[in-house]
């Protein structure tokens, strides 16, 4: 069986979908093309922008903005635990966004 070689960079829409930050790849493409995502502080407006290990993404998720660092590039859209192991949250949000939203309701 052939061994899978890790890639140096992936399209942003594939990364968002592989990391389970969007439900579908077309939704990931749409999110990338709206111009609300920043890659290392630079605004992204195309789904074909390349993401590499060590890049920092700032993206709107639900009613919040999340900042993540790509630790490793995913090879596939696997289980949630596998996806979460590929990035690190930098903005200090709780790991459960629903619980975080409920904490802010008074």
PDB file of N, CA and C in Angstrom:
ATOM      1  N   UNK A   1       0.842  -1.177   0.000  1.00  0.00           N
ATOM      2  CA  UNK A   1       0.000   0.000   0.000  1.00  0.00           C
ATOM      3  C   UNK A   1       0.888   1.242   0.000  1.00  0.00           C
ATOM      4  N   UNK A   2       0.528   2.216  -0.792  1.00  0.00           N
ATOM      5  CA  UNK A   2       1.310   3.450  -0.891  1.00  0.00           C
ATOM      6  C   UNK A   2       1.140   4.295   0.366  1.00  0.00           C
ATOM      7  N   UNK A   3       2.225   4.900   0.793  1.00  0.00           N
ATOM      8  CA  UNK A   3       2.204   5.750   1.975  1.00  0.00           C
ATOM      9  C   UNK A   3       1.745   7.157   1.578  1.00  0.00           C
ATOM     10  N   UNK A   4       0.900   7.784   2.414  1.00  0.00           N
ATOM     11  CA  UNK A   4       0.412   9.131   2.128  1.00  0.00           C
ATOM     12  C   UNK A   4       1.436  10.151   2.584  1.00  0.00           C
ATOM     13  N   UNK A   5       1.813  11.014   1.664  1.00  0.00           N
ATOM     14  CA  UNK A   5       2.801  12.051   1.948  1.00  0.00           C
ATOM     15  C   UNK A   5       2.072  13.307   2.417  1.00  0.00           C
ATOM     16  N   UNK A   6       2.474  13.895   3.559  1.00  0.00           N
ATOM     17  CA  UNK A   6       1.827  15.125   4.011  1.00  0.00           C
ATOM     18  C   UNK A   6       2.047  16.255   3.003  1.00  0.00           C
ATOM     19  N   UNK A   7       1.043  17.097   2.860  1.00  0.00           N
ATOM     20  CA  UNK A   7       1.135  18.204   1.917  1.00  0.00           C
ATOM     21  C   UNK A   7       1.672  19.442   2.613  1.00  0.00           C
ATOM     22  N   UNK A   8       2.272  20.345   1.836  1.00  0.00           N
ATOM     23  CA  UNK A   8       2.847  21.568   2.393  1.00  0.00           C
ATOM     24  C   UNK A   8       1.789  22.648   2.581  1.00  0.00           C
ATOM     25  N   UNK A   9       0.747  22.651   1.746  1.00  0.00           N
ATOM     26  CA  UNK A   9      -0.307  23.666   1.842  1.00  0.00           C
ATOM     27  C   UNK A   9      -1.601  23.104   1.259  1.00  0.00           C
ATOM     28  N   UNK A  10      -2.729  23.611   1.776  1.00  0.00           N
ATOM     29  CA  UNK A  10      -4.060  23.221   1.298  1.00  0.00           C
ATOM     30  C   UNK A  10      -4.891  24.469   1.060  1.00  0.00           C
ATOM     31  N   UNK A  11      -5.905  24.345   0.207  1.00  0.00           N
ATOM     32  CA  UNK A  11      -6.846  25.441  -0.004  1.00  0.00           C
ATOM     33  C   UNK A  11      -7.601  25.720   1.288  1.00  0.00           C
ATOM     34  N   UNK A  12      -7.938  26.982   1.527  1.00  0.00           N
ATOM     35  CA  UNK A  12      -8.612  27.362   2.764  1.00  0.00           C
ATOM     36  C   UNK A  12      -9.985  26.700   2.881  1.00  0.00           C
ATOM     37  N   UNK A  13     -10.701  26.546   1.761  1.00  0.00           N
ATOM     38  CA  UNK A  13     -12.017  25.913   1.849  1.00  0.00           C
ATOM     39  C   UNK A  13     -11.908  24.451   2.271  1.00  0.00           C
ATOM     40  N   UNK A  14     -10.891  23.753   1.786  1.00  0.00           N
ATOM     41  CA  UNK A  14     -10.692  22.364   2.200  1.00  0.00           C
ATOM     42  C   UNK A  14     -10.313  22.276   3.678  1.00  0.00           C
ATOM     43  N   UNK A  15      -9.456  23.193   4.119  1.00  0.00           N
ATOM     44  CA  UNK A  15      -9.030  23.184   5.526  1.00  0.00           C
ATOM     45  C   UNK A  15     -10.232  23.424   6.438  1.00  0.00           C
ATOM     46  N   UNK A  16     -11.050  24.417   6.127  1.00  0.00           N
ATOM     47  CA  UNK A  16     -12.224  24.714   6.958  1.00  0.00           C
ATOM     48  C   UNK A  16     -13.168  23.519   7.020  1.00  0.00           C
ATOM     49  N   UNK A  17     -13.336  22.849   5.895  1.00  0.00           N
ATOM     50  CA  UNK A  17     -14.217  21.683   5.851  1.00  0.00           C
ATOM     51  C   UNK A  17     -13.593  20.487   6.571  1.00  0.00           C
ATOM     52  N   UNK A  18     -12.307  20.222   6.317  1.00  0.00           N
ATOM     53  CA  UNK A  18     -11.618  19.112   6.980  1.00  0.00           C
ATOM     54  C   UNK A  18     -11.604  19.286   8.493  1.00  0.00           C
ATOM     55  N   UNK A  19     -11.443  20.533   8.966  1.00  0.00           N
ATOM     56  CA  UNK A  19     -11.379  20.799  10.408  1.00  0.00           C
ATOM     57  C   UNK A  19     -12.750  20.882  11.053  1.00  0.00           C
ATOM     58  N   UNK A  20     -13.791  20.649  10.270  1.00  0.00           N
ATOM     59  CA  UNK A  20     -15.172  20.647  10.753  1.00  0.00           C
ATOM     60  C   UNK A  20     -15.605  22.015  11.279  1.00  0.00           C
ATOM     61  N   UNK A  21     -15.046  23.082  10.700  1.00  0.00           N
ATOM     62  CA  UNK A  21     -15.463  24.432  11.057  1.00  0.00           C
ATOM     63  C   UNK A  21     -16.654  24.860  10.209  1.00  0.00           C
ATOM     64  N   UNK A  22     -16.916  24.149   9.112  1.00  0.00           N
ATOM     65  CA  UNK A  22     -18.120  24.314   8.305  1.00  0.00           C
ATOM     66  C   UNK A  22     -18.688  22.931   8.020  1.00  0.00           C
ATOM     67  N   UNK A  23     -20.000  22.884   7.767  1.00  0.00           N
ATOM     68  CA  UNK A  23     -20.648  21.591   7.548  1.00  0.00           C
ATOM     69  C   UNK A  23     -20.386  21.020   6.160  1.00  0.00           C
ATOM     70  N   UNK A  24     -20.260  21.914   5.166  1.00  0.00           N
ATOM     71  CA  UNK A  24     -20.031  21.450   3.799  1.00  0.00           C
ATOM     72  C   UNK A  24     -18.912  22.266   3.156  1.00  0.00           C
ATOM     73  N   UNK A  25     -18.347  21.713   2.092  1.00  0.00           N
ATOM     74  CA  UNK A  25     -17.291  22.444   1.397  1.00  0.00           C
ATOM     75  C   UNK A  25     -17.836  23.672   0.664  1.00  0.00           C
ATOM     76  N   UNK A  26     -19.028  23.608   0.045  1.00  0.00           N
ATOM     77  CA  UNK A  26     -19.574  24.838  -0.547  1.00  0.00           C
ATOM     78  C   UNK A  26     -19.774  25.956   0.484  1.00  0.00           C
ATOM     79  N   UNK A  27     -20.167  25.610   1.711  1.00  0.00           N
ATOM     80  CA  UNK A  27     -20.281  26.626   2.761  1.00  0.00           C
ATOM     81  C   UNK A  27     -18.906  27.194   3.109  1.00  0.00           C
ATOM     82  N   UNK A  28     -17.900  26.353   3.091  1.00  0.00           N
ATOM     83  CA  UNK A  28     -16.535  26.816   3.358  1.00  0.00           C
ATOM     84  C   UNK A  28     -16.064  27.749   2.244  1.00  0.00           C
ATOM     85  N   UNK A  29     -16.396  27.424   0.997  1.00  0.00           N
ATOM     86  CA  UNK A  29     -16.039  28.290  -0.132  1.00  0.00           C
ATOM     87  C   UNK A  29     -16.721  29.641  -0.003  1.00  0.00           C
ATOM     88  N   UNK A  30     -18.010  29.626   0.345  1.00  0.00           N
ATOM     89  CA  UNK A  30     -18.760  30.871   0.502  1.00  0.00           C
ATOM     90  C   UNK A  30     -18.180  31.719   1.628  1.00  0.00           C
ATOM     91  N   UNK A  31     -17.850  31.097   2.756  1.00  0.00           N
ATOM     92  CA  UNK A  31     -17.264  31.815   3.886  1.00  0.00           C
ATOM     93  C   UNK A  31     -15.933  32.452   3.488  1.00  0.00           C
ATOM     94  N   UNK A  32     -15.128  31.730   2.735  1.00  0.00           N
ATOM     95  CA  UNK A  32     -13.827  32.257   2.316  1.00  0.00           C
ATOM     96  C   UNK A  32     -13.981  33.426   1.343  1.00  0.00           C
ATOM     97  N   UNK A  33     -14.987  33.376   0.491  1.00  0.00           N
ATOM     98  CA  UNK A  33     -15.150  34.403  -0.534  1.00  0.00           C
ATOM     99  C   UNK A  33     -15.869  35.660  -0.044  1.00  0.00           C
ATOM    100  N   UNK A  34     -16.428  35.641   1.165  1.00  0.00           N
ATOM    101  CA  UNK A  34     -17.117  36.831   1.684  1.00  0.00           C
ATOM    102  C   UNK A  34     -16.141  37.885   2.179  1.00  0.00           C
ATOM    103  N   UNK A  35     -14.894  37.502   2.410  1.00  0.00           N
ATOM    104  CA  UNK A  35     -13.887  38.469   2.843  1.00  0.00           C
ATOM    105  C   UNK A  35     -13.837  38.692   4.335  1.00  0.00           C
ATOM    106  N   UNK A  36     -14.504  37.851   5.119  1.00  0.00           N
ATOM    107  CA  UNK A  36     -14.508  38.016   6.574  1.00  0.00           C
ATOM    108  C   UNK A  36     -13.416  37.216   7.276  1.00  0.00           C
ATOM    109  N   UNK A  37     -12.678  36.413   6.537  1.00  0.00           N
ATOM    110  CA  UNK A  37     -11.604  35.599   7.118  1.00  0.00           C
ATOM    111  C   UNK A  37     -10.278  36.322   6.944  1.00  0.00           C
ATOM    112  N   UNK A  38      -9.441  36.244   7.973  1.00  0.00           N
ATOM    113  CA  UNK A  38      -8.084  36.802   7.884  1.00  0.00           C
ATOM    114  C   UNK A  38      -7.090  35.669   8.058  1.00  0.00           C
ATOM    115  N   UNK A  39      -6.076  35.696   7.214  1.00  0.00           N
ATOM    116  CA  UNK A  39      -4.986  34.725   7.260  1.00  0.00           C
ATOM    117  C   UNK A  39      -3.728  35.495   7.624  1.00  0.00           C
ATOM    118  N   UNK A  40      -3.214  35.242   8.818  1.00  0.00           N
ATOM    119  CA  UNK A  40      -2.035  35.964   9.327  1.00  0.00           C
ATOM    120  C   UNK A  40      -2.246  37.479   9.250  1.00  0.00           C
ATOM    121  N   UNK A  41      -3.475  37.914   9.565  1.00  0.00           N
ATOM    122  CA  UNK A  41      -3.803  39.332   9.584  1.00  0.00           C
ATOM    123  C   UNK A  41      -4.192  39.922   8.243  1.00  0.00           C
ATOM    124  N   UNK A  42      -4.089  39.150   7.177  1.00  0.00           N
ATOM    125  CA  UNK A  42      -4.409  39.622   5.825  1.00  0.00           C
ATOM    126  C   UNK A  42      -5.769  39.077   5.408  1.00  0.00           C
ATOM    127  N   UNK A  43      -6.629  39.945   4.873  1.00  0.00           N
ATOM    128  CA  UNK A  43      -7.971  39.554   4.472  1.00  0.00           C
ATOM    129  C   UNK A  43      -7.934  38.588   3.291  1.00  0.00           C
ATOM    130  N   UNK A  44      -8.757  37.537   3.371  1.00  0.00           N
ATOM    131  CA  UNK A  44      -8.857  36.530   2.313  1.00  0.00           C
ATOM    132  C   UNK A  44     -10.186  36.726   1.593  1.00  0.00           C
ATOM    133  N   UNK A  45     -10.177  36.705   0.265  1.00  0.00           N
ATOM    134  CA  UNK A  45     -11.431  36.822  -0.473  1.00  0.00           C
ATOM    135  C   UNK A  45     -11.564  35.774  -1.583  1.00  0.00           C
ATOM    136  N   UNK A  46     -10.754  34.721  -1.498  1.00  0.00           N
ATOM    137  CA  UNK A  46     -10.872  33.633  -2.466  1.00  0.00           C
ATOM    138  C   UNK A  46     -10.695  32.296  -1.756  1.00  0.00           C
ATOM    139  N   UNK A  47     -11.463  31.325  -2.199  1.00  0.00           N
ATOM    140  CA  UNK A  47     -11.444  30.001  -1.581  1.00  0.00           C
ATOM    141  C   UNK A  47     -10.168  29.231  -1.901  1.00  0.00           C
ATOM    142  N   UNK A  48      -9.415  29.684  -2.869  1.00  0.00           N
ATOM    143  CA  UNK A  48      -8.205  28.963  -3.266  1.00  0.00           C
ATOM    144  C   UNK A  48      -6.960  29.422  -2.506  1.00  0.00           C
ATOM    145  N   UNK A  49      -7.112  30.332  -1.552  1.00  0.00           N
ATOM    146  CA  UNK A  49      -5.963  30.787  -0.761  1.00  0.00           C
ATOM    147  C   UNK A  49      -5.338  29.588  -0.053  1.00  0.00           C
ATOM    148  N   UNK A  50      -4.020  29.535  -0.030  1.00  0.00           N
ATOM    149  CA  UNK A  50      -3.308  28.390   0.547  1.00  0.00           C
ATOM    150  C   UNK A  50      -3.053  28.586   2.039  1.00  0.00           C
ATOM    151  N   UNK A  51      -3.247  27.519   2.801  1.00  0.00           N
ATOM    152  CA  UNK A  51      -3.016  27.487   4.241  1.00  0.00           C
ATOM    153  C   UNK A  51      -1.887  26.509   4.509  1.00  0.00           C
ATOM    154  N   UNK A  52      -0.956  26.896   5.385  1.00  0.00           N
ATOM    155  CA  UNK A  52       0.166  26.029   5.745  1.00  0.00           C
ATOM    156  C   UNK A  52       0.239  25.904   7.259  1.00  0.00           C
ATOM    157  N   UNK A  53       1.005  24.974   7.727  1.00  0.00           N
ATOM    158  CA  UNK A  53       1.220  24.791   9.155  1.00  0.00           C
ATOM    159  C   UNK A  53       1.822  26.062   9.748  1.00  0.00           C
ATOM    160  N   UNK A  54       1.289  26.487  10.891  1.00  0.00           N
ATOM    161  CA  UNK A  54       1.776  27.684  11.561  1.00  0.00           C
ATOM    162  C   UNK A  54       0.978  28.931  11.231  1.00  0.00           C
ATOM    163  N   UNK A  55       0.098  28.868  10.225  1.00  0.00           N
ATOM    164  CA  UNK A  55      -0.731  30.017   9.878  1.00  0.00           C
ATOM    165  C   UNK A  55      -1.778  30.276  10.962  1.00  0.00           C
ATOM    166  N   UNK A  56      -2.157  31.542  11.111  1.00  0.00           N
ATOM    167  CA  UNK A  56      -3.178  31.938  12.079  1.00  0.00           C
ATOM    168  C   UNK A  56      -4.395  32.429  11.302  1.00  0.00           C
ATOM    169  N   UNK A  57      -5.556  31.827  11.590  1.00  0.00           N
ATOM    170  CA  UNK A  57      -6.811  32.195  10.946  1.00  0.00           C
ATOM    171  C   UNK A  57      -7.713  32.914  11.936  1.00  0.00           C
ATOM    172  N   UNK A  58      -8.324  33.995  11.486  1.00  0.00           N
ATOM    173  CA  UNK A  58      -9.347  34.694  12.258  1.00  0.00           C
ATOM    174  C   UNK A  58     -10.620  34.575  11.452  1.00  0.00           C
ATOM    175  N   UNK A  59     -11.642  33.917  12.030  1.00  0.00           N
ATOM    176  CA  UNK A  59     -12.849  33.681  11.265  1.00  0.00           C
ATOM    177  C   UNK A  59     -14.099  33.815  12.107  1.00  0.00           C
ATOM    178  N   UNK A  60     -15.212  34.250  11.484  1.00  0.00           N
ATOM    179  CA  UNK A  60     -16.476  34.347  12.201  1.00  0.00           C
ATOM    180  C   UNK A  60     -17.134  32.975  12.271  1.00  0.00           C
ATOM    181  N   UNK A  61     -17.475  32.561  13.473  1.00  0.00           N
ATOM    182  CA  UNK A  61     -18.190  31.300  13.669  1.00  0.00           C
ATOM    183  C   UNK A  61     -19.383  31.586  14.562  1.00  0.00           C
ATOM    184  N   UNK A  62     -20.556  31.510  13.995  1.00  0.00           N
ATOM    185  CA  UNK A  62     -21.756  31.833  14.759  1.00  0.00           C
ATOM    186  C   UNK A  62     -21.784  33.313  15.085  1.00  0.00           C
ATOM    187  N   UNK A  63     -21.955  33.638  16.364  1.00  0.00           N
ATOM    188  CA  UNK A  63     -21.995  35.033  16.805  1.00  0.00           C
ATOM    189  C   UNK A  63     -20.671  35.509  17.374  1.00  0.00           C
ATOM    190  N   UNK A  64     -19.614  34.755  17.163  1.00  0.00           N
ATOM    191  CA  UNK A  64     -18.312  35.106  17.737  1.00  0.00           C
ATOM    192  C   UNK A  64     -17.234  35.056  16.660  1.00  0.00           C
ATOM    193  N   UNK A  65     -16.094  35.581  17.007  1.00  0.00           N
ATOM    194  CA  UNK A  65     -14.920  35.509  16.140  1.00  0.00           C
ATOM    195  C   UNK A  65     -13.933  34.572  16.823  1.00  0.00           C
ATOM    196  N   UNK A  66     -13.391  33.644  16.069  1.00  0.00           N
ATOM    197  CA  UNK A  66     -12.447  32.689  16.636  1.00  0.00           C
ATOM    198  C   UNK A  66     -11.101  32.833  15.950  1.00  0.00           C
ATOM    199  N   UNK A  67     -10.040  32.794  16.748  1.00  0.00           N
ATOM    200  CA  UNK A  67      -8.677  32.862  16.234  1.00  0.00           C
ATOM    201  C   UNK A  67      -8.028  31.518  16.508  1.00  0.00           C
ATOM    202  N   UNK A  68      -7.546  30.871  15.434  1.00  0.00           N
ATOM    203  CA  UNK A  68      -6.929  29.550  15.581  1.00  0.00           C
ATOM    204  C   UNK A  68      -5.586  29.532  14.869  1.00  0.00           C
ATOM    205  N   UNK A  69      -4.696  28.694  15.376  1.00  0.00           N
ATOM    206  CA  UNK A  69      -3.404  28.450  14.735  1.00  0.00           C
ATOM    207  C   UNK A  69      -3.422  27.043  14.176  1.00  0.00           C
ATOM    208  N   UNK A  70      -3.005  26.881  12.941  1.00  0.00           N
ATOM    209  CA  UNK A  70      -2.955  25.561  12.314  1.00  0.00           C
ATOM    210  C   UNK A  70      -1.697  24.852  12.800  1.00  0.00           C
ATOM    211  N   UNK A  71      -1.872  23.763  13.536  1.00  0.00           N
ATOM    212  CA  UNK A  71      -0.762  22.991  14.083  1.00  0.00           C
ATOM    213  C   UNK A  71      -0.261  21.985  13.053  1.00  0.00           C
ATOM    214  N   UNK A  72      -1.193  21.351  12.364  1.00  0.00           N
ATOM    215  CA  UNK A  72      -0.846  20.424  11.287  1.00  0.00           C
ATOM    216  C   UNK A  72      -1.990  20.425  10.284  1.00  0.00           C
ATOM    217  N   UNK A  73      -1.674  20.148   9.041  1.00  0.00           N
ATOM    218  CA  UNK A  73      -2.701  20.113   8.008  1.00  0.00           C
ATOM    219  C   UNK A  73      -3.389  18.757   8.014  1.00  0.00           C
ATOM    220  N   UNK A  74      -4.718  18.758   7.988  1.00  0.00           N
ATOM    221  CA  UNK A  74      -5.440  17.480   7.970  1.00  0.00           C
ATOM    222  C   UNK A  74      -5.303  16.815   6.605  1.00  0.00           C
ATOM    223  N   UNK A  75      -5.314  15.502   6.592  1.00  0.00           N
ATOM    224  CA  UNK A  75      -5.234  14.752   5.351  1.00  0.00           C
ATOM    225  C   UNK A  75      -6.617  14.372   4.838  1.00  0.00           C
ATOM    226  N   UNK A  76      -7.629  14.490   5.727  1.00  0.00           N
ATOM    227  CA  UNK A  76      -8.986  14.103   5.365  1.00  0.00           C
ATOM    228  C   UNK A  76      -9.968  14.756   6.315  1.00  0.00           C
ATOM    229  N   UNK A  77     -11.254  14.614   6.034  1.00  0.00           N
ATOM    230  CA  UNK A  77     -12.294  15.066   6.957  1.00  0.00           C
ATOM    231  C   UNK A  77     -12.610  13.871   7.847  1.00  0.00           C
ATOM    232  N   UNK A  78     -11.925  13.802   8.951  1.00  0.00           N
ATOM    233  CA  UNK A  78     -12.081  12.676   9.855  1.00  0.00           C
ATOM    234  C   UNK A  78     -12.981  13.020  11.027  1.00  0.00           C
ATOM    235  N   UNK A  79     -12.900  12.234  12.084  1.00  0.00           N
ATOM    236  CA  UNK A  79     -13.704  12.488  13.275  1.00  0.00           C
ATOM    237  C   UNK A  79     -13.326  13.819  13.933  1.00  0.00           C
ATOM    238  N   UNK A  80     -14.224  14.321  14.775  1.00  0.00           N
ATOM    239  CA  UNK A  80     -14.030  15.625  15.414  1.00  0.00           C
ATOM    240  C   UNK A  80     -12.734  15.677  16.227  1.00  0.00           C
ATOM    241  N   UNK A  81     -12.403  14.629  16.947  1.00  0.00           N
ATOM    242  CA  UNK A  81     -11.170  14.626  17.747  1.00  0.00           C
ATOM    243  C   UNK A  81      -9.938  14.752  16.866  1.00  0.00           C
ATOM    244  N   UNK A  82      -9.952  14.081  15.743  1.00  0.00           N
ATOM    245  CA  UNK A  82      -8.836  14.172  14.804  1.00  0.00           C
ATOM    246  C   UNK A  82      -8.736  15.588  14.230  1.00  0.00           C
ATOM    247  N   UNK A  83      -9.883  16.184  13.925  1.00  0.00           N
ATOM    248  CA  UNK A  83      -9.903  17.546  13.379  1.00  0.00           C
ATOM    249  C   UNK A  83      -9.380  18.543  14.408  1.00  0.00           C
ATOM    250  N   UNK A  84      -9.825  18.432  15.666  1.00  0.00           N
ATOM    251  CA  UNK A  84      -9.400  19.367  16.713  1.00  0.00           C
ATOM    252  C   UNK A  84      -7.915  19.267  17.022  1.00  0.00           C
ATOM    253  N   UNK A  85      -7.319  18.129  16.739  1.00  0.00           N
ATOM    254  CA  UNK A  85      -5.887  17.971  17.011  1.00  0.00           C
ATOM    255  C   UNK A  85      -5.031  18.723  15.982  1.00  0.00           C
ATOM    256  N   UNK A  86      -5.632  19.209  14.916  1.00  0.00           N
ATOM    257  CA  UNK A  86      -4.895  19.903  13.854  1.00  0.00           C
ATOM    258  C   UNK A  86      -4.807  21.412  14.073  1.00  0.00           C
ATOM    259  N   UNK A  87      -5.536  21.946  15.057  1.00  0.00           N
ATOM    260  CA  UNK A  87      -5.470  23.386  15.308  1.00  0.00           C
ATOM    261  C   UNK A  87      -5.520  23.683  16.798  1.00  0.00           C
ATOM    262  N   UNK A  88      -5.094  24.909  17.126  1.00  0.00           N
ATOM    263  CA  UNK A  88      -5.076  25.364  18.517  1.00  0.00           C
ATOM    264  C   UNK A  88      -5.834  26.682  18.577  1.00  0.00           C
ATOM    265  N   UNK A  89      -6.774  26.802  19.516  1.00  0.00           N
ATOM    266  CA  UNK A  89      -7.545  28.034  19.672  1.00  0.00           C
ATOM    267  C   UNK A  89      -6.683  29.048  20.422  1.00  0.00           C
ATOM    268  N   UNK A  90      -6.549  30.242  19.855  1.00  0.00           N
ATOM    269  CA  UNK A  90      -5.686  31.268  20.437  1.00  0.00           C
ATOM    270  C   UNK A  90      -6.443  32.353  21.189  1.00  0.00           C
ATOM    271  N   UNK A  91      -7.730  32.498  20.947  1.00  0.00           N
ATOM    272  CA  UNK A  91      -8.445  33.631  21.512  1.00  0.00           C
ATOM    273  C   UNK A  91      -9.034  33.379  22.892  1.00  0.00           C
ATOM    274  N   UNK A  92      -8.847  32.214  23.456  1.00  0.00           N
ATOM    275  CA  UNK A  92      -9.284  31.946  24.818  1.00  0.00           C
ATOM    276  C   UNK A  92     -10.760  31.653  24.973  1.00  0.00           C
ATOM    277  N   UNK A  93     -11.505  31.455  23.870  1.00  0.00           N
ATOM    278  CA  UNK A  93     -12.906  31.073  24.003  1.00  0.00           C
ATOM    279  C   UNK A  93     -12.990  29.686  24.616  1.00  0.00           C
ATOM    280  N   UNK A  94     -14.076  29.431  25.290  1.00  0.00           N
ATOM    281  CA  UNK A  94     -14.282  28.085  25.825  1.00  0.00           C
ATOM    282  C   UNK A  94     -14.396  27.115  24.660  1.00  0.00           C
ATOM    283  N   UNK A  95     -14.087  25.851  24.913  1.00  0.00           N
ATOM    284  CA  UNK A  95     -14.109  24.862  23.839  1.00  0.00           C
ATOM    285  C   UNK A  95     -15.525  24.586  23.351  1.00  0.00           C
ATOM    286  N   UNK A  96     -16.528  24.865  24.177  1.00  0.00           N
ATOM    287  CA  UNK A  96     -17.911  24.649  23.776  1.00  0.00           C
ATOM    288  C   UNK A  96     -18.567  26.005  23.532  1.00  0.00           C
ATOM    289  N   UNK A  97     -18.790  26.400  22.272  1.00  0.00           N
ATOM    290  CA  UNK A  97     -19.331  27.731  21.993  1.00  0.00           C
ATOM    291  C   UNK A  97     -20.737  27.936  22.542  1.00  0.00           C
ATOM    292  N   UNK A  98     -21.533  26.865  22.648  1.00  0.00           N
ATOM    293  CA  UNK A  98     -22.884  26.994  23.198  1.00  0.00           C
ATOM    294  C   UNK A  98     -22.814  27.334  24.676  1.00  0.00           C
ATOM    295  N   UNK A  99     -21.921  26.665  25.405  1.00  0.00           N
ATOM    296  CA  UNK A  99     -21.743  26.970  26.828  1.00  0.00           C
ATOM    297  C   UNK A  99     -21.216  28.384  27.017  1.00  0.00           C
ATOM    298  N   UNK A 100     -20.321  28.818  26.137  1.00  0.00           N
ATOM    299  CA  UNK A 100     -19.791  30.174  26.220  1.00  0.00           C
ATOM    300  C   UNK A 100     -20.889  31.206  25.988  1.00  0.00           C
ATOM    301  N   UNK A 101     -21.769  30.937  25.030  1.00  0.00           N
ATOM    302  CA  UNK A 101     -22.877  31.863  24.753  1.00  0.00           C
ATOM    303  C   UNK A 101     -23.848  31.913  25.931  1.00  0.00           C
ATOM    304  N   UNK A 102     -24.085  30.781  26.578  1.00  0.00           N
ATOM    305  CA  UNK A 102     -25.003  30.748  27.714  1.00  0.00           C
ATOM    306  C   UNK A 102     -24.422  31.489  28.922  1.00  0.00           C
ATOM    307  N   UNK A 103     -23.106  31.538  29.055  1.00  0.00           N
ATOM    308  CA  UNK A 103     -22.473  32.248  30.157  1.00  0.00           C
ATOM    309  C   UNK A 103     -22.686  33.758  30.036  1.00  0.00           C
ATOM    310  N   UNK A 104     -22.817  34.249  28.803  1.00  0.00           N
ATOM    311  CA  UNK A 104     -22.960  35.684  28.570  1.00  0.00           C
ATOM    312  C   UNK A 104     -24.400  36.156  28.735  1.00  0.00           C
ATOM    313  N   UNK A 105     -25.350  35.235  28.811  1.00  0.00           N
ATOM    314  CA  UNK A 105     -26.758  35.597  28.963  1.00  0.00           C
ATOM    315  C   UNK A 105     -27.043  35.844  30.438  1.00  0.00           C
ATOM    316  N   UNK A 106     -27.597  36.993  30.744  1.00  0.00           N
ATOM    317  CA  UNK A 106     -27.887  37.297  32.148  1.00  0.00           C
ATOM    318  C   UNK A 106     -29.375  37.409  32.389  1.00  0.00           C
TER     319      UNK A 106
END
